[in-house]
Protein backbone atom coordinates (compact mmCIF):
# COMPACT_ATOMS: atom_id res chain seq x y z
CA MET A 1 -13.61 -102.88 206.59
CA GLU A 2 -13.54 -100.24 208.31
CA LYS A 3 -16.19 -101.50 210.89
CA ILE A 4 -13.06 -104.21 211.82
CA GLY A 5 -10.96 -101.01 212.64
CA LYS A 6 -13.96 -100.14 214.89
CA LEU A 7 -13.43 -103.71 216.21
CA ILE A 8 -9.92 -104.20 217.18
CA GLU A 9 -9.49 -100.66 218.36
CA LYS A 10 -12.90 -102.34 221.06
CA ALA A 11 -9.93 -105.50 221.13
CA LYS A 12 -7.52 -102.91 222.21
CA LYS A 13 -9.53 -101.15 225.42
CA ASP A 14 -11.12 -104.73 226.23
CA LYS A 15 -8.85 -106.16 228.61
CA ASN A 16 -9.88 -110.00 228.64
CA VAL A 17 -9.04 -109.97 224.62
CA ILE A 18 -5.52 -110.93 223.53
CA ALA A 19 -6.07 -111.49 219.91
CA VAL A 20 -8.55 -110.48 216.87
CA ALA A 21 -8.79 -112.79 213.86
CA LEU A 22 -10.48 -113.58 210.41
CA TYR A 23 -11.20 -116.71 209.20
CA GLY A 24 -13.54 -118.69 206.53
CA SER A 25 -14.46 -118.04 203.26
CA SER A 26 -14.17 -114.66 204.27
CA LEU A 27 -10.48 -114.42 203.81
CA LYS A 28 -10.53 -116.10 200.69
CA GLY A 29 -12.99 -112.80 199.57
CA LYS A 30 -15.59 -115.70 198.82
CA GLY A 31 -18.01 -115.36 202.40
CA ARG A 32 -20.91 -113.58 202.46
CA ASP A 33 -20.31 -112.96 206.29
CA ILE A 34 -17.80 -111.54 208.20
CA ASP A 35 -16.06 -114.50 210.59
CA ILE A 36 -14.05 -112.80 213.32
CA CYS A 37 -12.92 -114.96 216.32
CA LEU A 38 -11.83 -112.72 219.72
CA TYR A 39 -9.25 -115.24 221.75
CA LEU A 40 -9.50 -114.34 225.44
CA ASP A 41 -6.51 -114.05 227.77
CA LYS A 42 -7.95 -117.35 229.42
CA LYS A 43 -10.60 -120.01 229.78
CA TYR A 44 -13.92 -118.42 231.22
CA ASN A 45 -16.97 -119.58 231.92
CA ASN A 46 -19.99 -119.76 229.66
CA LEU A 47 -21.78 -117.29 230.33
CA PHE A 48 -19.02 -114.90 230.87
CA MET A 49 -18.03 -115.89 226.73
CA SER A 50 -21.47 -115.54 225.85
CA LYS A 51 -21.26 -112.47 227.61
CA LYS A 52 -18.95 -111.08 226.19
CA ARG A 53 -19.04 -112.43 222.67
CA LEU A 54 -23.06 -110.79 222.80
CA ASP A 55 -20.69 -106.97 224.05
CA TYR A 56 -19.07 -107.38 220.20
CA LEU A 57 -22.61 -108.77 218.40
CA LYS A 58 -24.09 -105.67 219.64
CA TYR A 59 -21.72 -103.18 218.11
CA PHE A 60 -20.84 -105.07 215.25
CA ASN A 61 -22.72 -107.31 212.23
CA TYR A 62 -20.17 -109.97 211.55
CA ASP A 63 -19.72 -114.29 212.72
CA ILE A 64 -18.63 -113.28 216.38
CA GLN A 65 -17.26 -116.11 218.42
CA VAL A 66 -15.37 -116.48 220.74
CA PHE A 67 -12.42 -119.10 220.39
CA GLN A 68 -12.19 -120.85 223.91
CA GLN A 69 -15.85 -121.79 223.36
CA LEU A 70 -15.86 -123.21 220.17
CA PRO A 71 -15.48 -127.39 219.61
CA ILE A 72 -11.89 -128.22 219.09
CA TYR A 73 -12.21 -128.81 214.96
CA ILE A 74 -13.49 -125.56 214.83
CA ARG A 75 -10.55 -124.11 217.04
CA LYS A 76 -8.39 -126.26 215.06
CA ARG A 77 -9.29 -124.35 211.98
CA ILE A 78 -9.21 -120.89 212.76
CA LEU A 79 -5.48 -121.25 213.67
CA LYS A 80 -5.21 -120.90 209.51
CA GLY A 81 -6.99 -117.74 210.17
CA LYS A 82 -5.68 -113.74 209.74
CA ILE A 83 -4.55 -112.93 213.04
CA LEU A 84 -5.85 -109.03 213.16
CA TYR A 85 -4.55 -107.98 215.83
CA SER A 86 -2.55 -109.12 219.32
CA LYS A 87 -2.10 -107.78 222.51
CA ASN A 88 -0.33 -110.75 223.73
CA GLU A 89 1.72 -112.92 220.88
CA ASP A 90 2.97 -115.36 223.84
CA ARG A 91 -0.02 -116.32 225.16
CA LEU A 92 -1.62 -116.13 221.38
CA TYR A 93 0.78 -118.72 220.77
CA GLU A 94 0.40 -120.23 223.87
CA ILE A 95 -2.92 -120.64 223.17
CA ALA A 96 -2.43 -122.24 219.40
CA TYR A 97 0.60 -124.77 220.81
CA ASP A 98 -2.62 -125.71 223.36
CA THR A 99 -4.82 -126.28 220.20
CA ILE A 100 -2.77 -128.44 218.30
CA LYS A 101 -1.83 -130.96 221.34
CA GLU A 102 -5.79 -131.58 222.26
CA PHE A 103 -6.74 -131.98 218.39
CA ASN A 104 -3.77 -134.04 217.74
CA TYR A 105 -5.70 -136.39 220.86
CA PHE A 106 -8.97 -135.78 219.27
CA GLU A 107 -7.66 -136.48 215.47
CA LYS A 108 -8.18 -140.31 215.59
CA TYR A 109 -12.15 -139.40 216.90
CA TYR A 110 -13.14 -137.12 214.58
CA ASN A 111 -11.29 -138.45 211.78
CA ASP A 112 -13.31 -142.39 213.04
CA TYR A 113 -16.71 -140.20 213.33
CA LEU A 114 -16.21 -138.78 210.19
CA GLU A 115 -16.25 -142.29 208.08
CA MET A 116 -18.83 -143.37 210.55
CA VAL A 117 -20.97 -140.62 209.16
CA LYS A 118 -19.64 -141.04 205.53
CA ASN A 119 -20.58 -144.54 205.73
CA GLY A 120 -23.98 -144.10 207.05
């Protein structure tokens, strides 16, 4: 967990990162890896977000993702994670609210797809 502190220190200095979250099985102490999600201040193009992710991956041996790059159903799950650091709570809540709204629109199609896969 000491290295997570270093990751948070890096995020504090990063003008694009507004929050860092821990999510997934690592929250329950069951995971083999540590899942970290970076929330950016806005949605950038994919190249920028990929470079941002790689910039963190080269220093930290975690499964690091950028929230805005993930599929909606994964983003919804990450909202259940633990916020380790937040620079701008208003913006973070706005991102969470927008994610929930988007997922609510998408959920019917997602559930239909899962049902189709289940039934072959």
